C-alpha atoms as a PDB file:
ATOM      1  CA  MET A   1       0.368   0.015   0.094  1.00  0.00           C
ATOM      2  CA  ALA A   2       1.200   3.800  -0.480  1.00  0.00           C
ATOM      3  CA  LEU A   3       2.948   5.439   2.235  1.00  0.00           C
ATOM      4  CA  TRP A   4       0.078   8.630   1.562  1.00  0.00           C
ATOM      5  CA  ILE A   5      -2.749   5.998   1.718  1.00  0.00           C
ATOM      6  CA  ILE A   6      -1.022   5.007   4.991  1.00  0.00           C
ATOM      7  CA  ILE A   7      -0.781   8.348   6.297  1.00  0.00           C
ATOM      8  CA  ALA A   8      -3.702   9.272   5.039  1.00  0.00           C
ATOM      9  CA  LEU A   9      -5.773   6.992   6.842  1.00  0.00           C
ATOM     10  CA  THR A  10      -3.879   6.984  10.737  1.00  0.00           C
ATOM     11  CA  VAL A  11      -4.625  11.219   9.871  1.00  0.00           C
ATOM     12  CA  LEU A  12      -8.363   9.836   9.680  1.00  0.00           C
ATOM     13  CA  LEU A  13      -8.715   6.658  12.301  1.00  0.00           C
ATOM     14  CA  ALA A  14      -6.193   8.763  14.839  1.00  0.00           C
ATOM     15  CA  GLY A  15      -9.247  11.842  14.671  1.00  0.00           C
ATOM     16  CA  ILE A  16     -11.937   9.574  15.496  1.00  0.00           C
ATOM     17  CA  ALA A  17      -9.866   8.042  18.013  1.00  0.00           C
ATOM     18  CA  LEU A  18      -9.009  11.155  19.936  1.00  0.00           C
ATOM     19  CA  GLN A  19     -13.090  12.725  19.549  1.00  0.00           C
ATOM     20  CA  ASN A  20     -13.973   9.130  20.870  1.00  0.00           C
ATOM     21  CA  ILE A  21     -11.519   9.549  23.996  1.00  0.00           C
ATOM     22  CA  TYR A  22     -12.795  13.338  24.425  1.00  0.00           C
ATOM     23  CA  VAL A  23     -16.430  12.734  24.564  1.00  0.00           C
ATOM     24  CA  ALA A  24     -15.557   9.809  27.050  1.00  0.00           C
ATOM     25  CA  PHE A  25     -13.392  12.337  29.411  1.00  0.00           C
ATOM     26  CA  LYS A  26     -15.299  15.051  28.308  1.00  0.00           C
ATOM     27  CA  PRO A  27     -16.819  16.620  32.115  1.00  0.00           C
ATOM     28  CA  ILE A  28     -21.001  16.939  32.147  1.00  0.00           C
ATOM     29  CA  LYS A  29     -23.023  19.954  33.078  1.00  0.00           C
ATOM     30  CA  ASP A  30     -26.208  19.073  35.023  1.00  0.00           C
ATOM     31  CA  GLY A  31     -28.269  19.890  31.958  1.00  0.00           C
ATOM     32  CA  GLU A  32     -26.183  17.983  29.645  1.00  0.00           C
ATOM     33  CA  LYS A  33     -26.784  14.629  31.114  1.00  0.00           C
ATOM     34  CA  ARG A  34     -30.267  14.605  29.812  1.00  0.00           C
ATOM     35  CA  ASP A  35     -29.873  15.789  26.472  1.00  0.00           C
ATOM     36  CA  LEU A  36     -26.291  13.969  25.733  1.00  0.00           C
ATOM     37  CA  GLU A  37     -27.756  13.849  21.282  1.00  0.00           C
ATOM     38  CA  LYS A  38     -27.488  17.108  21.246  1.00  0.00           C
ATOM     39  CA  VAL A  39     -24.466  17.320  23.253  1.00  0.00           C
ATOM     40  CA  PHE A  40     -22.516  15.946  20.965  1.00  0.00           C
ATOM     41  CA  SER A  41     -24.208  16.486  17.436  1.00  0.00           C
ATOM     42  CA  TYR A  42     -22.244  18.480  15.599  1.00  0.00           C
ATOM     43  CA  GLY A  43     -25.417  19.665  12.791  1.00  0.00           C
ATOM     44  CA  ASP A  44     -25.007  19.390   9.106  1.00  0.00           C
ATOM     45  CA  GLY A  45     -21.103  20.569   8.791  1.00  0.00           C
ATOM     46  CA  PRO A  46     -18.468  18.547   7.575  1.00  0.00           C
ATOM     47  CA  PHE A  47     -18.233  16.926  10.732  1.00  0.00           C
ATOM     48  CA  PHE A  48     -21.494  15.247   9.865  1.00  0.00           C
ATOM     49  CA  ILE A  49     -20.447  11.832  10.445  1.00  0.00           C
ATOM     50  CA  PHE A  50     -19.308  12.326  13.835  1.00  0.00           C
ATOM     51  CA  GLY A  51     -22.647  13.485  14.704  1.00  0.00           C
ATOM     52  CA  LEU A  52     -24.113  10.101  13.807  1.00  0.00           C
ATOM     53  CA  LEU A  53     -20.985   8.303  15.185  1.00  0.00           C
ATOM     54  CA  PHE A  54     -22.046   9.192  18.310  1.00  0.00           C
ATOM     55  CA  SER A  55     -25.739   9.337  18.320  1.00  0.00           C
ATOM     56  CA  PHE A  56     -25.380   5.755  17.037  1.00  0.00           C
ATOM     57  CA  LEU A  57     -23.437   5.254  20.148  1.00  0.00           C
ATOM     58  CA  PHE A  58     -25.344   6.982  21.889  1.00  0.00           C
ATOM     59  CA  TRP A  59     -28.846   4.525  20.770  1.00  0.00           C
ATOM     60  CA  CYS A  60     -26.927   1.359  21.961  1.00  0.00           C
ATOM     61  CA  SER A  61     -26.164   2.796  25.686  1.00  0.00           C
ATOM     62  CA  GLU A  62     -30.358   3.956  25.399  1.00  0.00           C
ATOM     63  CA  LYS A  63     -31.346   0.688  23.994  1.00  0.00           C
ATOM     64  CA  PHE A  64     -29.355  -2.063  26.206  1.00  0.00           C
ATOM     65  CA  PHE A  65     -28.437  -0.639  29.218  1.00  0.00           C
ATOM     66  CA  PRO A  66     -31.004   0.826  32.385  1.00  0.00           C
ATOM     67  CA  GLU A  67     -31.222   4.437  33.046  1.00  0.00           C
ATOM     68  CA  ARG A  68     -29.298   4.019  35.777  1.00  0.00           C
ATOM     69  CA  PHE A  69     -26.134   3.220  33.985  1.00  0.00           C
ATOM     70  CA  ARG A  70     -26.907   4.898  30.491  1.00  0.00           C
ATOM     71  CA  PHE A  71     -24.203   7.495  30.833  1.00  0.00           C
ATOM     72  CA  ALA A  72     -21.219   5.359  32.361  1.00  0.00           C
ATOM     73  CA  ALA A  73     -22.002   2.650  29.505  1.00  0.00           C
ATOM     74  CA  PHE A  74     -21.969   5.443  26.643  1.00  0.00           C
ATOM     75  CA  ARG A  75     -18.503   6.954  27.646  1.00  0.00           C
ATOM     76  CA  LEU A  76     -17.280   3.334  28.096  1.00  0.00           C
ATOM     77  CA  ILE A  77     -18.140   1.953  24.191  1.00  0.00           C
ATOM     78  CA  SER A  78     -16.650   5.175  23.113  1.00  0.00           C
ATOM     79  CA  LEU A  79     -13.687   4.487  24.544  1.00  0.00           C
ATOM     80  CA  LEU A  80     -13.699   1.162  23.726  1.00  0.00           C
ATOM     81  CA  MET A  81     -14.202   2.332  19.997  1.00  0.00           C
ATOM     82  CA  ALA A  82     -11.414   4.517  20.244  1.00  0.00           C
ATOM     83  CA  ALA A  83      -9.125   1.759  21.779  1.00  0.00           C
ATOM     84  CA  SER A  84     -10.479  -0.304  18.413  1.00  0.00           C
ATOM     85  CA  LEU A  85      -9.348   2.404  16.283  1.00  0.00           C
ATOM     86  CA  ILE A  86      -6.179   2.686  17.450  1.00  0.00           C
ATOM     87  CA  GLY A  87      -5.726  -1.099  17.016  1.00  0.00           C
ATOM     88  CA  LEU A  88      -6.587  -0.865  13.556  1.00  0.00           C
ATOM     89  CA  ILE A  89      -3.830   1.924  13.041  1.00  0.00           C
ATOM     90  CA  ILE A  90      -1.424  -0.239  14.355  1.00  0.00           C
ATOM     91  CA  LEU A  91      -2.337  -2.997  12.202  1.00  0.00           C
ATOM     92  CA  ILE A  92      -2.258  -0.356   9.320  1.00  0.00           C
ATOM     93  CA  TRP A  93       1.257   0.619  10.042  1.00  0.00           C
ATOM     94  CA  ASN A  94       2.718  -3.408  10.419  1.00  0.00           C
ATOM     95  CA  LEU A  95       0.357  -4.502   7.550  1.00  0.00           C
ATOM     96  CA  ASP A  96       3.389  -6.395   5.964  1.00  0.00           C
ATOM     97  CA  ILE A  97       3.958  -8.398   9.093  1.00  0.00           C
ATOM     98  CA  VAL A  98       0.583  -9.238   9.661  1.00  0.00           C
ATOM     99  CA  ALA A  99       0.120 -10.658   5.283  1.00  0.00           C
ATOM    100  CA  ASP A 100       2.914 -12.791   6.573  1.00  0.00           C
ATOM    101  CA  PHE A 101       1.064 -13.959   9.201  1.00  0.00           C
ATOM    102  CA  LEU A 102      -1.497 -15.011   7.836  1.00  0.00           C
ATOM    103  CA  LEU A 103       0.284 -16.515   4.880  1.00  0.00           C
ATOM    104  CA  SER A 104       2.094 -18.876   7.307  1.00  0.00           C
ATOM    105  CA  LEU A 105      -0.715 -20.457   8.878  1.00  0.00           C
END
């Protein structure tokens, strides 16, 4: 894979991972706790995809967890998503090692 593609993917995935980490540790004021979906939306601008991503995370925490654990679940899901993106970045940079391992199986 060309180096510029790897760098572009790294920048894109790292940006999303940093945003997830920010959301997980962002201090929430009292009124924001009720409106999590509105707090982490980005409107119709170029970062609309981030708003969709966090709306999906909020939906998951709303559907699968009780009211008491919803906020903690939202933050935990956001951290797990960031960790998986960082792992994907590491795999992209070591793609030749991964390919050699898979071929040896």
